[in-house]
């Protein structure tokens, strides 16, 4: 491990420990089982075990993701709370726009995200004072303006992004060095993995998140809305509130 990588790791561990010390047990980690989240599961297990963990089962995940959830439970020995969308809301949405209606418009896609991800997320964060995510600046232009610690006005919580300055190479070096489980879809050119109908493989040189909602050309809407920076230039909290009503995402 290089001195630079060691410095990133030490800073991340220190941030997790401070977050745990200040907010446990009212702090939780939103885990979608991407590569970054695997690193955080490992670090939470080792250094901040009082941070609780949850994941959102949208009902449309890849089989590989479901298998990884079970494997991580066994491997890390950590309790992982699984939250599901409200069945009545899903039924109403499907009745109105079809099973795959999200392909028809941004509005329909955001509604699907809101029902399957945002609503369960809100339930997961009820009673919490802070939450942890695996967001990195390198992942997209939207995330490039995010900070390691933010005040999340949408939920009234402190938000921690401990891996914000990590590179993809550092993430994978940690996974391989520690022989951690990960989603095999990553080996098939899926750097960012969400719901199966909304995720495709990417080619060499493409933006890592270009495989998410790829049919939407406008970068400004190519996020589910779960992670929105309060300091996004020109839109700020107003932009966050627009997506807040009809979004989901990791």
Protein backbone atom coordinates (compact mmCIF):
# COMPACT_ATOMS: atom_id res chain seq x y z
CA UNK A 1 0.00 0.00 0.00
CA UNK A 2 1.41 3.42 -0.94
CA UNK A 3 1.69 6.26 1.56
CA UNK A 4 -1.08 8.06 -0.35
CA UNK A 5 -3.41 5.07 -0.11
CA UNK A 6 -2.52 4.66 3.56
CA UNK A 7 -3.38 8.30 4.15
CA UNK A 8 -6.77 7.92 2.50
CA UNK A 9 -7.51 4.84 4.58
CA UNK A 10 -6.49 6.50 7.83
CA UNK A 11 -8.60 9.58 7.07
CA UNK A 12 -11.60 7.42 6.21
CA UNK A 13 -11.29 5.34 9.38
CA UNK A 14 -10.91 8.49 11.48
CA UNK A 15 -14.05 10.00 9.93
CA UNK A 16 -16.07 6.84 10.54
CA UNK A 17 -14.93 6.70 14.15
CA UNK A 18 -15.84 10.35 14.73
CA UNK A 19 -19.24 9.82 13.14
CA UNK A 20 -19.87 6.74 15.27
CA UNK A 21 -18.73 8.49 18.45
CA UNK A 22 -20.96 11.49 17.84
CA UNK A 23 -24.12 9.84 16.54
CA UNK A 24 -24.32 6.12 17.40
CA UNK A 25 -26.80 4.50 17.61
CA UNK A 26 -28.61 7.13 15.49
CA UNK A 27 -26.36 6.73 12.47
CA UNK A 28 -26.87 4.29 9.61
CA UNK A 29 -25.08 3.23 6.43
CA UNK A 30 -27.06 3.12 3.16
CA UNK A 31 -25.54 0.11 1.44
CA UNK A 32 -26.30 -0.80 -2.18
CA UNK A 33 -23.46 -3.35 -2.37
CA UNK A 34 -21.42 -1.58 -4.99
CA UNK A 35 -17.64 -1.80 -4.75
CA UNK A 36 -17.46 1.29 -2.54
CA UNK A 37 -20.04 -0.13 -0.17
CA UNK A 38 -18.04 -3.34 0.18
CA UNK A 39 -15.08 -1.26 1.35
CA UNK A 40 -17.28 0.56 3.85
CA UNK A 41 -18.76 -2.69 5.15
CA UNK A 42 -15.24 -3.86 5.84
CA UNK A 43 -14.22 -0.62 7.57
CA UNK A 44 -17.41 -0.40 9.62
CA UNK A 45 -16.95 -3.99 10.75
CA UNK A 46 -13.38 -3.29 11.84
CA UNK A 47 -13.57 0.25 13.17
CA UNK A 48 -17.15 1.51 13.67
CA UNK A 49 -19.46 -1.45 14.39
CA UNK A 50 -22.11 0.68 16.11
CA UNK A 51 -23.08 2.18 12.75
CA UNK A 52 -26.15 0.25 11.60
CA UNK A 53 -26.57 -0.93 8.01
CA UNK A 54 -29.55 -1.04 5.68
CA UNK A 55 -30.21 -1.74 2.02
CA UNK A 56 -33.15 -1.11 -0.29
CA UNK A 57 -34.67 -4.04 -2.16
CA UNK A 58 -36.53 -2.41 -5.03
CA UNK A 59 -37.83 -5.73 -6.32
CA UNK A 60 -35.91 -5.19 -9.58
CA UNK A 61 -32.34 -5.96 -8.55
CA UNK A 62 -29.98 -8.29 -10.40
CA UNK A 63 -29.83 -11.91 -9.17
CA UNK A 64 -26.14 -11.32 -8.54
CA UNK A 65 -26.98 -8.48 -6.16
CA UNK A 66 -29.41 -10.60 -4.16
CA UNK A 67 -26.78 -13.33 -3.87
CA UNK A 68 -24.20 -10.79 -2.73
CA UNK A 69 -26.46 -9.50 0.06
CA UNK A 70 -26.64 -12.98 1.57
CA UNK A 71 -22.94 -13.56 1.09
CA UNK A 72 -22.03 -10.28 2.79
CA UNK A 73 -24.21 -11.10 5.77
CA UNK A 74 -22.19 -14.27 6.29
CA UNK A 75 -18.80 -12.82 5.41
CA UNK A 76 -18.94 -9.65 7.49
CA UNK A 77 -21.14 -11.00 10.27
CA UNK A 78 -23.10 -7.76 10.38
CA UNK A 79 -26.89 -7.36 10.64
CA UNK A 80 -28.25 -5.80 7.45
CA UNK A 81 -31.77 -4.41 7.47
CA UNK A 82 -33.62 -4.81 4.16
CA UNK A 83 -36.39 -2.36 3.30
CA UNK A 84 -38.99 -2.93 0.59
CA UNK A 85 -41.31 -0.58 -1.31
CA UNK A 86 -44.95 -0.39 -0.30
CA UNK A 87 -46.79 -3.08 -2.28
CA UNK A 88 -49.90 -0.94 -2.72
CA UNK A 89 -47.87 1.92 -4.17
CA UNK A 90 -46.06 -0.44 -6.56
CA UNK A 91 -49.34 -1.96 -7.71
CA UNK A 92 -50.86 1.47 -8.35
CA UNK A 93 -47.82 2.63 -10.28
CA UNK A 94 -47.67 -0.50 -12.45
CA UNK A 95 -51.40 -0.26 -13.14
CA UNK A 96 -50.95 3.29 -14.43
CA UNK A 97 -47.67 3.14 -16.33
CA UNK A 98 -46.92 -0.56 -16.83
CA UNK A 99 -44.19 -2.81 -15.46
CA UNK A 100 -41.44 -1.03 -17.43
CA UNK A 101 -43.12 2.32 -17.87
CA UNK A 102 -40.03 4.13 -16.65
CA UNK A 103 -38.57 3.88 -20.16
CA UNK A 104 -41.28 6.19 -21.50
CA UNK A 105 -40.34 9.43 -19.77
CA UNK A 106 -38.15 10.97 -17.11
CA UNK A 107 -41.27 11.67 -15.07
CA UNK A 108 -42.26 8.00 -15.14
CA UNK A 109 -38.74 6.91 -14.24
CA UNK A 110 -38.57 9.32 -11.32
CA UNK A 111 -41.90 8.06 -10.06
CA UNK A 112 -40.58 4.50 -10.12
CA UNK A 113 -37.45 5.60 -8.24
CA UNK A 114 -39.60 7.45 -5.72
CA UNK A 115 -41.82 4.44 -5.02
CA UNK A 116 -39.15 1.76 -5.04
CA UNK A 117 -36.26 3.63 -3.43
CA UNK A 118 -37.00 7.07 -2.00
CA UNK A 119 -40.00 6.08 0.11
CA UNK A 120 -38.17 3.11 1.70
CA UNK A 121 -35.13 5.34 2.19
CA UNK A 122 -37.20 7.81 4.16
CA UNK A 123 -38.40 4.98 6.38
CA UNK A 124 -34.83 3.80 6.90
CA UNK A 125 -33.74 7.27 7.99
CA UNK A 126 -36.60 7.88 10.41
CA UNK A 127 -35.23 8.54 13.87
CA UNK A 128 -31.66 8.87 12.60
CA UNK A 129 -29.37 11.84 13.12
CA UNK A 130 -26.80 10.95 10.45
CA UNK A 131 -26.21 8.60 7.54
CA UNK A 132 -23.23 7.23 5.66
CA UNK A 133 -22.88 6.66 1.90
CA UNK A 134 -20.28 5.32 -0.53
CA UNK A 135 -20.39 8.35 -2.83
CA UNK A 136 -17.12 9.37 -4.52
CA UNK A 137 -16.37 12.58 -6.41
CA UNK A 138 -14.86 10.60 -9.26
CA UNK A 139 -18.19 8.91 -10.02
CA UNK A 140 -19.91 11.80 -11.82
CA UNK A 141 -20.03 15.55 -12.33
CA UNK A 142 -22.98 15.78 -9.95
CA UNK A 143 -21.01 14.06 -7.21
CA UNK A 144 -17.82 16.01 -7.89
CA UNK A 145 -19.08 18.93 -5.79
CA UNK A 146 -19.95 16.82 -2.75
CA UNK A 147 -18.00 16.95 0.50
CA UNK A 148 -16.89 14.32 3.00
CA UNK A 149 -19.33 15.76 5.55
CA UNK A 150 -22.51 17.56 4.52
CA UNK A 151 -25.67 18.82 6.12
CA UNK A 152 -28.46 17.02 4.28
CA UNK A 153 -31.34 19.50 4.39
CA UNK A 154 -33.73 17.10 2.66
CA UNK A 155 -33.70 14.72 5.59
CA UNK A 156 -32.44 17.02 8.32
CA UNK A 157 -29.41 14.78 8.90
CA UNK A 158 -25.64 14.92 8.87
CA UNK A 159 -24.37 13.05 5.82
CA UNK A 160 -20.99 11.34 5.71
CA UNK A 161 -19.27 10.38 2.45
CA UNK A 162 -16.07 8.77 3.83
CA UNK A 163 -14.77 7.61 0.44
CA UNK A 164 -15.37 10.93 -1.29
CA UNK A 165 -11.72 11.35 -2.37
CA UNK A 166 -10.95 7.69 -3.10
CA UNK A 167 -10.18 6.66 -6.66
CA UNK A 168 -11.59 3.56 -8.29
CA UNK A 169 -8.11 2.05 -8.15
CA UNK A 170 -7.94 2.57 -4.39
CA UNK A 171 -11.36 1.00 -3.90
CA UNK A 172 -10.41 -2.10 -5.85
CA UNK A 173 -7.00 -2.35 -4.23
CA UNK A 174 -8.70 -2.53 -0.83
CA UNK A 175 -11.13 -5.18 -2.04
CA UNK A 176 -8.41 -7.34 -3.55
CA UNK A 177 -5.89 -6.89 -0.75
CA UNK A 178 -8.48 -7.99 1.81
CA UNK A 179 -10.08 -10.64 -0.42
CA UNK A 180 -13.54 -9.13 0.03
CA UNK A 181 -16.66 -10.40 -1.78
CA UNK A 182 -18.04 -8.22 -4.56
CA UNK A 183 -20.66 -8.28 -7.29
CA UNK A 184 -19.43 -10.38 -10.26
CA UNK A 185 -21.18 -7.94 -12.59
CA UNK A 186 -18.24 -5.60 -11.98
CA UNK A 187 -16.10 -8.07 -13.90
CA UNK A 188 -18.53 -7.77 -16.81
CA UNK A 189 -18.10 -4.00 -17.21
CA UNK A 190 -20.82 -2.87 -14.81
CA UNK A 191 -18.99 -0.25 -12.70
CA UNK A 192 -22.26 1.13 -11.30
CA UNK A 193 -25.04 -1.34 -10.49
CA UNK A 194 -28.65 -0.50 -9.70
CA UNK A 195 -31.94 -2.04 -10.78
CA UNK A 196 -31.54 -4.59 -13.57
CA UNK A 197 -33.80 -2.85 -16.14
CA UNK A 198 -32.04 0.47 -15.57
CA UNK A 199 -28.41 -0.68 -15.72
CA UNK A 200 -26.24 -1.72 -18.66
CA UNK A 201 -22.58 -2.52 -19.13
CA UNK A 202 -20.29 0.30 -20.28
CA UNK A 203 -17.44 0.36 -22.75
CA UNK A 204 -13.86 1.37 -22.09
CA UNK A 205 -13.63 5.14 -21.71
CA UNK A 206 -17.29 5.71 -20.88
CA UNK A 207 -18.28 7.52 -17.71
CA UNK A 208 -18.68 4.91 -14.94
CA UNK A 209 -22.31 5.93 -14.36
CA UNK A 210 -23.24 6.12 -18.05
CA UNK A 211 -24.76 2.67 -17.74
CA UNK A 212 -27.43 3.99 -15.37
CA UNK A 213 -30.66 5.27 -17.00
CA UNK A 214 -28.70 5.35 -20.26
CA UNK A 215 -31.77 6.21 -22.35
CA UNK A 216 -31.91 9.63 -20.64
CA UNK A 217 -29.50 11.89 -22.50
CA UNK A 218 -29.63 14.89 -20.17
CA UNK A 219 -26.94 14.53 -17.52
CA UNK A 220 -28.95 16.74 -15.19
CA UNK A 221 -31.55 14.00 -14.75
CA UNK A 222 -29.26 10.98 -14.85
CA UNK A 223 -29.38 10.52 -11.07
CA UNK A 224 -32.11 8.86 -9.09
CA UNK A 225 -32.03 11.71 -6.61
CA UNK A 226 -30.88 9.90 -3.51
CA UNK A 227 -27.55 11.71 -3.50
CA UNK A 228 -27.86 15.42 -4.23
CA UNK A 229 -25.34 18.00 -3.08
CA UNK A 230 -26.73 21.00 -1.24
CA UNK A 231 -24.04 23.13 -2.88
CA UNK A 232 -24.78 22.22 -6.49
CA UNK A 233 -24.22 25.47 -8.37
CA UNK A 234 -27.23 27.22 -9.81
CA UNK A 235 -29.83 24.87 -8.33
CA UNK A 236 -28.92 24.13 -4.72
CA UNK A 237 -31.61 22.93 -2.35
CA UNK A 238 -34.34 23.78 -4.86
CA UNK A 239 -33.00 21.12 -7.23
CA UNK A 240 -32.80 18.67 -4.37
CA UNK A 241 -36.41 19.33 -3.45
CA UNK A 242 -37.62 18.77 -7.02
CA UNK A 243 -36.07 15.32 -7.13
CA UNK A 244 -36.96 14.69 -3.51
CA UNK A 245 -40.58 13.99 -4.39
CA UNK A 246 -39.96 11.47 -7.14
CA UNK A 247 -36.67 9.71 -7.01
CA UNK A 248 -34.57 6.89 -5.67
CA UNK A 249 -31.09 5.74 -6.18
CA UNK A 250 -27.61 4.68 -5.43
